[in-house]
Amino acid sequence: MREGWTQVSFRYDGSFAGFLTCVYESFRHFEEPMAFCGPEEDRCSIWPERPVETDPGHAKQIYRALREKASKEVQRMVTHGYLADLEGKECILWQFIRMAWDIGPGVIYWITDERVSRLDKALRAMYNEAHLLKGFTRFSDCRGLLWAQISPKNRVLPLLRPHFCDRFQMETFLIFDDVHHEALVYAQGQWAIRPVDSIQFPAADAREEDYRRLWKTFYDTVAIQSRHNPRLRQSNLPKRYWHHMTELREELAQEGLVSR
């Protein structure tokens, strides 16, 4: 704890702008956050609770300061760190920001410091997941709308957006993250990521079923049976991705893990 700083528990709306507003209030009032609580978290804290209302102007000031007082790389790490599957991420990010403003751009090289290493490790895991989903995401066609469903550990839709928007510029598509309940929607050159509780996708029609059979046939044909190595495949293609992959659902169905 810094001398003269008050330890508090911030309660905010759970948004990135809300978090940056908490950072602004923290340094403005010399308050050190020991915990952060979202709007749906109902828990007691041993520290005084400090409710913070999101202020876009204050959030922008902190966002700009991350680059001006530290570097563009620090700004990126904080922004992407908020998307990562990292327990207690708000406190970790706040500590990283405090270090960045004390140390400067070189903070990113302090990998032996736990405050930096935990964030760096989480970011590496998230980037790896986003990279895998660029290849593992499977789309279905419903009357001209391409749709896909994913179940990532991290909030990767902002990282997947540039790849799929560039690749499918002439298409209309939707990717639904059923873990974080949000969807990436793209049409006519415009995109948006919006919160969505759930989506009931239509059953595949005859044309879509034909495409799925063709893809499964291609997958089976290019496989070299004499070199079949289940352990290696699962290492390169973790089983948690299989559920939404057309060519592998049959294997899961045989194990009784999904319906055909």
C-alpha atoms as a PDB file:
ATOM      1  CA  MET A   1       0.000   0.000   0.000  1.00  0.00           C
ATOM      2  CA  ARG A   2       1.232   3.482  -0.858  1.00  0.00           C
ATOM      3  CA  GLU A   3       1.635   5.818   2.073  1.00  0.00           C
ATOM      4  CA  GLY A   4      -1.377   8.055   2.484  1.00  0.00           C
ATOM      5  CA  TRP A   5      -3.578   6.016   0.114  1.00  0.00           C
ATOM      6  CA  THR A   6      -6.935   4.616   1.258  1.00  0.00           C
ATOM      7  CA  GLN A   7      -7.736   0.994   0.501  1.00  0.00           C
ATOM      8  CA  VAL A   8     -11.172   0.584  -1.117  1.00  0.00           C
ATOM      9  CA  SER A   9     -13.333  -1.815  -3.091  1.00  0.00           C
ATOM     10  CA  PHE A  10     -14.616  -0.274  -6.318  1.00  0.00           C
ATOM     11  CA  ARG A  11     -18.093  -1.150  -7.595  1.00  0.00           C
ATOM     12  CA  TYR A  12     -18.630  -0.318 -11.272  1.00  0.00           C
ATOM     13  CA  ASP A  13     -20.709  -1.322 -14.289  1.00  0.00           C
ATOM     14  CA  GLY A  14     -18.298  -3.996 -15.534  1.00  0.00           C
ATOM     15  CA  SER A  15     -17.328  -2.175 -18.740  1.00  0.00           C
ATOM     16  CA  PHE A  16     -13.834  -1.246 -19.897  1.00  0.00           C
ATOM     17  CA  ALA A  17     -14.785   2.445 -19.788  1.00  0.00           C
ATOM     18  CA  GLY A  18     -16.054   1.872 -16.261  1.00  0.00           C
ATOM     19  CA  PHE A  19     -12.759   0.297 -15.253  1.00  0.00           C
ATOM     20  CA  LEU A  20     -10.776   3.217 -16.690  1.00  0.00           C
ATOM     21  CA  THR A  21     -13.058   5.580 -14.778  1.00  0.00           C
ATOM     22  CA  CYS A  22     -12.156   3.684 -11.597  1.00  0.00           C
ATOM     23  CA  VAL A  23      -8.476   4.160 -12.442  1.00  0.00           C
ATOM     24  CA  TYR A  24      -9.091   7.893 -12.854  1.00  0.00           C
ATOM     25  CA  GLU A  25     -10.890   8.114  -9.502  1.00  0.00           C
ATOM     26  CA  SER A  26      -8.198   6.032  -7.837  1.00  0.00           C
ATOM     27  CA  PHE A  27      -5.363   8.390  -8.730  1.00  0.00           C
ATOM     28  CA  ARG A  28      -7.489  11.484  -8.245  1.00  0.00           C
ATOM     29  CA  HIS A  29      -8.481  10.600  -4.675  1.00  0.00           C
ATOM     30  CA  PHE A  30      -5.410   8.528  -3.708  1.00  0.00           C
ATOM     31  CA  GLU A  31      -7.448   5.341  -3.326  1.00  0.00           C
ATOM     32  CA  GLU A  32      -5.851   1.948  -3.822  1.00  0.00           C
ATOM     33  CA  PRO A  33      -8.319  -0.649  -5.151  1.00  0.00           C
ATOM     34  CA  MET A  34      -8.137  -3.944  -3.288  1.00  0.00           C
ATOM     35  CA  ALA A  35     -11.121  -5.395  -5.156  1.00  0.00           C
ATOM     36  CA  PHE A  36     -13.485  -4.607  -8.007  1.00  0.00           C
ATOM     37  CA  CYS A  37     -17.142  -5.650  -8.082  1.00  0.00           C
ATOM     38  CA  GLY A  38     -19.343  -5.744 -11.151  1.00  0.00           C
ATOM     39  CA  PRO A  39     -23.043  -4.866 -11.199  1.00  0.00           C
ATOM     40  CA  GLU A  40     -24.206  -8.462 -10.688  1.00  0.00           C
ATOM     41  CA  GLU A  41     -21.725  -9.394  -7.971  1.00  0.00           C
ATOM     42  CA  ASP A  42     -23.311  -9.578  -4.548  1.00  0.00           C
ATOM     43  CA  ARG A  43     -20.513 -10.006  -2.064  1.00  0.00           C
ATOM     44  CA  CYS A  44     -19.297  -8.355   1.083  1.00  0.00           C
ATOM     45  CA  SER A  45     -15.929  -6.628   1.271  1.00  0.00           C
ATOM     46  CA  ILE A  46     -13.647  -5.928   4.204  1.00  0.00           C
ATOM     47  CA  TRP A  47     -12.740  -2.643   2.496  1.00  0.00           C
ATOM     48  CA  PRO A  48     -15.022   0.390   2.200  1.00  0.00           C
ATOM     49  CA  GLU A  49     -17.114   0.108  -0.946  1.00  0.00           C
ATOM     50  CA  ARG A  50     -16.635   2.917  -3.437  1.00  0.00           C
ATOM     51  CA  PRO A  51     -19.331   3.098  -6.160  1.00  0.00           C
ATOM     52  CA  VAL A  52     -18.090   4.646  -9.401  1.00  0.00           C
ATOM     53  CA  GLU A  53     -20.306   5.848 -12.225  1.00  0.00           C
ATOM     54  CA  THR A  54     -18.780   5.483 -15.677  1.00  0.00           C
ATOM     55  CA  ASP A  55     -17.574   8.776 -17.134  1.00  0.00           C
ATOM     56  CA  PRO A  56     -16.551   8.474 -20.833  1.00  0.00           C
ATOM     57  CA  GLY A  57     -14.498  11.671 -20.599  1.00  0.00           C
ATOM     58  CA  HIS A  58     -12.442  10.452 -17.660  1.00  0.00           C
ATOM     59  CA  ALA A  59     -12.063   7.040 -19.308  1.00  0.00           C
ATOM     60  CA  LYS A  60     -10.656   8.682 -22.456  1.00  0.00           C
ATOM     61  CA  GLN A  61      -8.188  10.687 -20.383  1.00  0.00           C
ATOM     62  CA  ILE A  62      -6.784   7.515 -18.820  1.00  0.00           C
ATOM     63  CA  TYR A  63      -6.760   5.709 -22.171  1.00  0.00           C
ATOM     64  CA  ARG A  64      -4.725   8.505 -23.773  1.00  0.00           C
ATOM     65  CA  ALA A  65      -2.445   8.740 -20.742  1.00  0.00           C
ATOM     66  CA  LEU A  66      -1.530   5.055 -21.087  1.00  0.00           C
ATOM     67  CA  ARG A  67       0.112   5.904 -24.403  1.00  0.00           C
ATOM     68  CA  GLU A  68       1.445   9.346 -23.528  1.00  0.00           C
ATOM     69  CA  LYS A  69       2.904   8.487 -20.104  1.00  0.00           C
ATOM     70  CA  ALA A  70       4.014   4.970 -21.032  1.00  0.00           C
ATOM     71  CA  SER A  71       3.692   3.650 -24.597  1.00  0.00           C
ATOM     72  CA  LYS A  72       1.383   2.335 -27.277  1.00  0.00           C
ATOM     73  CA  GLU A  73       2.349  -1.197 -26.235  1.00  0.00           C
ATOM     74  CA  VAL A  74       1.289  -0.552 -22.616  1.00  0.00           C
ATOM     75  CA  GLN A  75      -2.004   0.842 -23.908  1.00  0.00           C
ATOM     76  CA  ARG A  76      -2.516  -2.321 -25.963  1.00  0.00           C
ATOM     77  CA  MET A  77      -1.685  -4.633 -23.061  1.00  0.00           C
ATOM     78  CA  VAL A  78      -4.195  -2.917 -20.779  1.00  0.00           C
ATOM     79  CA  THR A  79      -6.922  -2.864 -23.450  1.00  0.00           C
ATOM     80  CA  HIS A  80      -6.460  -6.500 -24.417  1.00  0.00           C
ATOM     81  CA  GLY A  81      -5.826  -7.524 -20.818  1.00  0.00           C
ATOM     82  CA  TYR A  82      -9.369  -6.511 -19.992  1.00  0.00           C
ATOM     83  CA  LEU A  83     -10.590  -9.108 -22.525  1.00  0.00           C
ATOM     84  CA  ALA A  84      -8.476 -11.920 -21.073  1.00  0.00           C
ATOM     85  CA  ASP A  85      -9.616 -14.794 -18.896  1.00  0.00           C
ATOM     86  CA  LEU A  86      -7.663 -13.612 -15.869  1.00  0.00           C
ATOM     87  CA  GLU A  87      -8.908 -13.894 -12.306  1.00  0.00           C
ATOM     88  CA  GLY A  88      -8.770 -10.552 -10.517  1.00  0.00           C
ATOM     89  CA  LYS A  89      -7.829  -8.862 -13.786  1.00  0.00           C
ATOM     90  CA  GLU A  90      -8.896  -5.374 -12.681  1.00  0.00           C
ATOM     91  CA  CYS A  91      -6.494  -5.347  -9.726  1.00  0.00           C
ATOM     92  CA  ILE A  92      -3.715  -6.812 -11.867  1.00  0.00           C
ATOM     93  CA  LEU A  93      -4.291  -4.196 -14.566  1.00  0.00           C
ATOM     94  CA  TRP A  94      -4.398  -1.383 -12.007  1.00  0.00           C
ATOM     95  CA  GLN A  95      -1.068  -2.526 -10.555  1.00  0.00           C
ATOM     96  CA  PHE A  96       0.404  -2.749 -14.069  1.00  0.00           C
ATOM     97  CA  ILE A  97      -0.792   0.778 -14.872  1.00  0.00           C
ATOM     98  CA  ARG A  98       0.712   2.107 -11.644  1.00  0.00           C
ATOM     99  CA  MET A  99       4.032   0.457 -12.537  1.00  0.00           C
ATOM    100  CA  ALA A 100       3.877   1.811 -16.092  1.00  0.00           C
ATOM    101  CA  TRP A 101       3.476   5.369 -14.878  1.00  0.00           C
ATOM    102  CA  ASP A 102       6.327   4.962 -12.401  1.00  0.00           C
ATOM    103  CA  ILE A 103       8.715   3.113 -14.714  1.00  0.00           C
ATOM    104  CA  GLY A 104       7.664   4.166 -18.191  1.00  0.00           C
ATOM    105  CA  PRO A 105       7.716   2.181 -21.473  1.00  0.00           C
ATOM    106  CA  GLY A 106      10.285  -0.284 -20.116  1.00  0.00           C
ATOM    107  CA  VAL A 107       7.697  -1.829 -17.796  1.00  0.00           C
ATOM    108  CA  ILE A 108       6.830  -4.381 -20.475  1.00  0.00           C
ATOM    109  CA  TYR A 109      10.270  -5.968 -20.011  1.00  0.00           C
ATOM    110  CA  TRP A 110       9.833  -6.539 -16.260  1.00  0.00           C
ATOM    111  CA  ILE A 111       8.706 -10.115 -16.910  1.00  0.00           C
ATOM    112  CA  THR A 112      10.192 -11.384 -13.638  1.00  0.00           C
ATOM    113  CA  ASP A 113       7.790  -9.142 -11.721  1.00  0.00           C
ATOM    114  CA  GLU A 114       4.586 -11.054 -10.946  1.00  0.00           C
ATOM    115  CA  ARG A 115       2.428  -8.021 -11.739  1.00  0.00           C
ATOM    116  CA  VAL A 116       3.749  -8.056 -15.286  1.00  0.00           C
ATOM    117  CA  SER A 117       4.248 -11.800 -15.783  1.00  0.00           C
ATOM    118  CA  ARG A 118       0.642 -12.714 -14.904  1.00  0.00           C
ATOM    119  CA  LEU A 119      -0.692 -10.239 -17.437  1.00  0.00           C
ATOM    120  CA  ASP A 120       1.816 -11.306 -20.079  1.00  0.00           C
ATOM    121  CA  LYS A 121       0.929 -14.984 -19.606  1.00  0.00           C
ATOM    122  CA  ALA A 122      -2.807 -14.285 -19.856  1.00  0.00           C
ATOM    123  CA  LEU A 123      -2.315 -12.245 -23.033  1.00  0.00           C
ATOM    124  CA  ARG A 124      -0.249 -14.977 -24.649  1.00  0.00           C
ATOM    125  CA  ALA A 125      -2.972 -17.534 -23.897  1.00  0.00           C
ATOM    126  CA  MET A 126      -5.654 -15.241 -25.316  1.00  0.00           C
ATOM    127  CA  TYR A 127      -3.716 -14.508 -28.506  1.00  0.00           C
ATOM    128  CA  ASN A 128      -3.138 -18.223 -28.998  1.00  0.00           C
ATOM    129  CA  GLU A 129      -6.857 -18.927 -28.600  1.00  0.00           C
ATOM    130  CA  ALA A 130      -7.755 -16.183 -31.075  1.00  0.00           C
ATOM    131  CA  HIS A 131      -5.205 -17.599 -33.541  1.00  0.00           C
ATOM    132  CA  LEU A 132      -6.687 -21.084 -33.244  1.00  0.00           C
ATOM    133  CA  LEU A 133     -10.254 -19.847 -33.713  1.00  0.00           C
ATOM    134  CA  LYS A 134      -9.313 -18.163 -36.979  1.00  0.00           C
ATOM    135  CA  GLY A 135      -8.909 -21.698 -38.302  1.00  0.00           C
ATOM    136  CA  PHE A 136     -11.345 -23.651 -36.144  1.00  0.00           C
ATOM    137  CA  THR A 137     -14.441 -21.454 -36.557  1.00  0.00           C
ATOM    138  CA  ARG A 138     -17.034 -23.132 -38.788  1.00  0.00           C
ATOM    139  CA  PHE A 139     -19.784 -21.184 -40.573  1.00  0.00           C
ATOM    140  CA  SER A 140     -23.189 -22.387 -41.694  1.00  0.00           C
ATOM    141  CA  ASP A 141     -25.302 -20.731 -44.398  1.00  0.00           C
ATOM    142  CA  CYS A 142     -28.870 -19.704 -43.642  1.00  0.00           C
ATOM    143  CA  ARG A 143     -30.480 -17.890 -46.582  1.00  0.00           C
ATOM    144  CA  GLY A 144     -27.375 -15.819 -47.241  1.00  0.00           C
ATOM    145  CA  LEU A 145     -26.403 -15.266 -43.621  1.00  0.00           C
ATOM    146  CA  LEU A 146     -23.226 -17.016 -42.524  1.00  0.00           C
ATOM    147  CA  TRP A 147     -23.329 -17.848 -38.834  1.00  0.00           C
ATOM    148  CA  ALA A 148     -20.950 -19.494 -36.421  1.00  0.00           C
ATOM    149  CA  GLN A 149     -20.904 -20.293 -32.728  1.00  0.00           C
ATOM    150  CA  ILE A 150     -17.799 -20.377 -30.529  1.00  0.00           C
ATOM    151  CA  SER A 151     -17.124 -21.096 -26.845  1.00  0.00           C
ATOM    152  CA  PRO A 152     -13.844 -19.319 -26.016  1.00  0.00           C
ATOM    153  CA  LYS A 153     -12.264 -18.856 -22.598  1.00  0.00           C
ATOM    154  CA  ASN A 154     -11.381 -15.260 -23.474  1.00  0.00           C
ATOM    155  CA  ARG A 155     -13.418 -12.464 -25.045  1.00  0.00           C
ATOM    156  CA  VAL A 156     -11.794 -12.894 -28.433  1.00  0.00           C
ATOM    157  CA  LEU A 157     -14.417 -11.383 -30.752  1.00  0.00           C
ATOM    158  CA  PRO A 158     -12.593  -8.005 -30.905  1.00  0.00           C
ATOM    159  CA  LEU A 159      -9.437  -9.886 -31.916  1.00  0.00           C
ATOM    160  CA  LEU A 160     -11.243 -12.033 -34.503  1.00  0.00           C
ATOM    161  CA  ARG A 161     -13.112  -9.093 -36.028  1.00  0.00           C
ATOM    162  CA  PRO A 162     -10.328  -7.752 -38.333  1.00  0.00           C
ATOM    163  CA  HIS A 163      -9.597 -11.227 -39.713  1.00  0.00           C
ATOM    164  CA  PHE A 164     -13.160 -12.240 -40.578  1.00  0.00           C
ATOM    165  CA  CYS A 165     -14.328  -8.784 -41.685  1.00  0.00           C
ATOM    166  CA  ASP A 166     -11.428  -8.659 -44.125  1.00  0.00           C
ATOM    167  CA  ARG A 167     -11.894 -12.225 -45.309  1.00  0.00           C
ATOM    168  CA  PHE A 168     -15.671 -12.008 -45.797  1.00  0.00           C
ATOM    169  CA  GLN A 169     -15.985  -8.423 -47.035  1.00  0.00           C
ATOM    170  CA  MET A 170     -18.787  -9.293 -49.460  1.00  0.00           C
ATOM    171  CA  GLU A 171     -20.727 -11.484 -47.025  1.00  0.00           C
ATOM    172  CA  THR A 172     -23.183 -10.986 -44.188  1.00  0.00           C
ATOM    173  CA  PHE A 173     -22.126 -12.972 -41.134  1.00  0.00           C
ATOM    174  CA  LEU A 174     -22.587 -13.411 -37.405  1.00  0.00           C
ATOM    175  CA  ILE A 175     -20.300 -15.041 -34.833  1.00  0.00           C
ATOM    176  CA  PHE A 176     -21.897 -15.805 -31.463  1.00  0.00           C
ATOM    177  CA  ASP A 177     -19.747 -16.217 -28.338  1.00  0.00           C
ATOM    178  CA  ASP A 178     -21.982 -18.350 -26.104  1.00  0.00           C
ATOM    179  CA  VAL A 179     -19.655 -18.036 -23.086  1.00  0.00           C
ATOM    180  CA  HIS A 180     -19.493 -14.246 -22.844  1.00  0.00           C
ATOM    181  CA  HIS A 181     -22.910 -13.765 -24.479  1.00  0.00           C
ATOM    182  CA  GLU A 182     -21.961 -11.375 -27.236  1.00  0.00           C
ATOM    183  CA  ALA A 183     -22.073 -11.460 -31.018  1.00  0.00           C
ATOM    184  CA  LEU A 184     -20.039  -9.991 -33.848  1.00  0.00           C
ATOM    185  CA  VAL A 185     -22.322  -8.918 -36.706  1.00  0.00           C
ATOM    186  CA  TYR A 186     -21.073  -7.784 -40.118  1.00  0.00           C
ATOM    187  CA  ALA A 187     -23.043  -6.544 -43.149  1.00  0.00           C
ATOM    188  CA  GLN A 188     -22.304  -4.204 -46.044  1.00  0.00           C
ATOM    189  CA  GLY A 189     -18.958  -3.108 -44.687  1.00  0.00           C
ATOM    190  CA  GLN A 190     -20.296  -2.284 -41.218  1.00  0.00           C
ATOM    191  CA  TRP A 191     -19.665  -4.276 -38.045  1.00  0.00           C
ATOM    192  CA  ALA A 192     -20.778  -4.268 -34.429  1.00  0.00           C
ATOM    193  CA  ILE A 193     -20.193  -6.348 -31.306  1.00  0.00           C
ATOM    194  CA  ARG A 194     -23.302  -6.458 -29.151  1.00  0.00           C
ATOM    195  CA  PRO A 195     -24.342  -8.261 -25.942  1.00  0.00           C
ATOM    196  CA  VAL A 196     -26.710 -11.159 -26.654  1.00  0.00           C
ATOM    197  CA  ASP A 197     -28.174 -13.483 -24.033  1.00  0.00           C
ATOM    198  CA  SER A 198     -28.741 -16.364 -26.432  1.00  0.00           C
ATOM    199  CA  ILE A 199     -29.407 -17.136 -30.101  1.00  0.00           C
ATOM    200  CA  GLN A 200     -31.560 -19.933 -31.467  1.00  0.00           C
ATOM    201  CA  PHE A 201     -29.999 -20.807 -34.801  1.00  0.00           C
ATOM    202  CA  PRO A 202     -32.188 -22.478 -37.446  1.00  0.00           C
ATOM    203  CA  ALA A 203     -31.793 -26.129 -38.334  1.00  0.00           C
ATOM    204  CA  ALA A 204     -29.652 -26.766 -41.385  1.00  0.00           C
ATOM    205  CA  ASP A 205     -31.613 -27.033 -44.633  1.00  0.00           C
ATOM    206  CA  ALA A 206     -30.893 -29.586 -47.371  1.00  0.00           C
ATOM    207  CA  ARG A 207     -28.391 -27.309 -49.126  1.00  0.00           C
ATOM    208  CA  GLU A 208     -26.438 -26.683 -45.918  1.00  0.00           C
ATOM    209  CA  GLU A 209     -26.447 -30.398 -45.072  1.00  0.00           C
ATOM    210  CA  ASP A 210     -24.948 -31.091 -48.513  1.00  0.00           C
ATOM    211  CA  TYR A 211     -22.132 -28.602 -47.828  1.00  0.00           C
ATOM    212  CA  ARG A 212     -21.471 -30.213 -44.457  1.00  0.00           C
ATOM    213  CA  ARG A 213     -21.244 -33.683 -46.031  1.00  0.00           C
ATOM    214  CA  LEU A 214     -18.875 -32.373 -48.696  1.00  0.00           C
ATOM    215  CA  TRP A 215     -16.627 -30.804 -46.048  1.00  0.00           C
ATOM    216  CA  LYS A 216     -16.661 -34.023 -43.987  1.00  0.00           C
ATOM    217  CA  THR A 217     -15.796 -36.034 -47.095  1.00  0.00           C
ATOM    218  CA  PHE A 218     -12.881 -33.705 -47.854  1.00  0.00           C
ATOM    219  CA  TYR A 219     -11.662 -33.961 -44.249  1.00  0.00           C
ATOM    220  CA  ASP A 220     -11.783 -37.778 -44.337  1.00  0.00           C
ATOM    221  CA  THR A 221     -10.183 -37.970 -47.776  1.00  0.00           C
ATOM    222  CA  VAL A 222      -7.106 -35.869 -47.000  1.00  0.00           C
ATOM    223  CA  ALA A 223      -6.462 -37.786 -43.774  1.00  0.00           C
ATOM    224  CA  ILE A 224      -3.647 -40.353 -43.865  1.00  0.00           C
ATOM    225  CA  GLN A 225      -5.000 -43.294 -41.888  1.00  0.00           C
ATOM    226  CA  SER A 226      -1.608 -44.960 -41.476  1.00  0.00           C
ATOM    227  CA  ARG A 227      -0.367 -41.862 -39.653  1.00  0.00           C
ATOM    228  CA  HIS A 228      -3.445 -41.381 -37.480  1.00  0.00           C
ATOM    229  CA  ASN A 229      -2.280 -40.110 -34.080  1.00  0.00           C
ATOM    230  CA  PRO A 230      -5.163 -39.172 -31.737  1.00  0.00           C
ATOM    231  CA  ARG A 231      -2.892 -37.724 -29.035  1.00  0.00           C
ATOM    232  CA  LEU A 232      -1.059 -35.474 -31.485  1.00  0.00           C
ATOM    233  CA  ARG A 233      -4.321 -34.350 -33.065  1.00  0.00           C
ATOM    234  CA  GLN A 234      -5.784 -33.471 -29.695  1.00  0.00           C
ATOM    235  CA  SER A 235      -2.614 -31.542 -28.850  1.00  0.00           C
ATOM    236  CA  ASN A 236      -2.920 -29.455 -32.019  1.00  0.00           C
ATOM    237  CA  LEU A 237      -6.714 -29.385 -31.938  1.00  0.00           C
ATOM    238  CA  PRO A 238      -7.920 -29.346 -28.287  1.00  0.00           C
ATOM    239  CA  LYS A 239     -11.152 -31.215 -27.772  1.00  0.00           C
ATOM    240  CA  ARG A 240     -12.972 -28.210 -26.328  1.00  0.00           C
ATOM    241  CA  TYR A 241     -13.136 -26.795 -29.878  1.00  0.00           C
ATOM    242  CA  TRP A 242     -14.677 -29.911 -31.428  1.00  0.00           C
ATOM    243  CA  HIS A 243     -18.241 -29.177 -30.352  1.00  0.00           C
ATOM    244  CA  HIS A 244     -18.675 -26.490 -33.023  1.00  0.00           C
ATOM    245  CA  MET A 245     -16.593 -28.140 -35.760  1.00  0.00           C
ATOM    246  CA  THR A 246     -18.596 -29.810 -38.524  1.00  0.00           C
ATOM    247  CA  GLU A 247     -16.051 -32.528 -39.295  1.00  0.00           C
ATOM    248  CA  LEU A 248     -15.673 -33.657 -35.671  1.00  0.00           C
ATOM    249  CA  ARG A 249     -19.217 -33.588 -34.300  1.00  0.00           C
ATOM    250  CA  GLU A 250     -19.773 -37.184 -35.446  1.00  0.00           C
ATOM    251  CA  GLU A 251     -16.925 -38.390 -33.231  1.00  0.00           C
ATOM    252  CA  LEU A 252     -18.371 -36.536 -30.249  1.00  0.00           C
ATOM    253  CA  ALA A 253     -21.798 -37.974 -31.043  1.00  0.00           C
ATOM    254  CA  GLN A 254     -20.342 -41.491 -30.987  1.00  0.00           C
ATOM    255  CA  GLU A 255     -19.068 -40.732 -27.480  1.00  0.00           C
ATOM    256  CA  GLY A 256     -22.522 -39.453 -26.519  1.00  0.00           C
ATOM    257  CA  LEU A 257     -21.217 -35.917 -25.884  1.00  0.00           C
ATOM    258  CA  VAL A 258     -23.389 -34.170 -28.493  1.00  0.00           C
ATOM    259  CA  SER A 259     -26.443 -35.032 -30.577  1.00  0.00           C
ATOM    260  CA  ARG A 260     -25.957 -35.767 -34.254  1.00  0.00           C
END
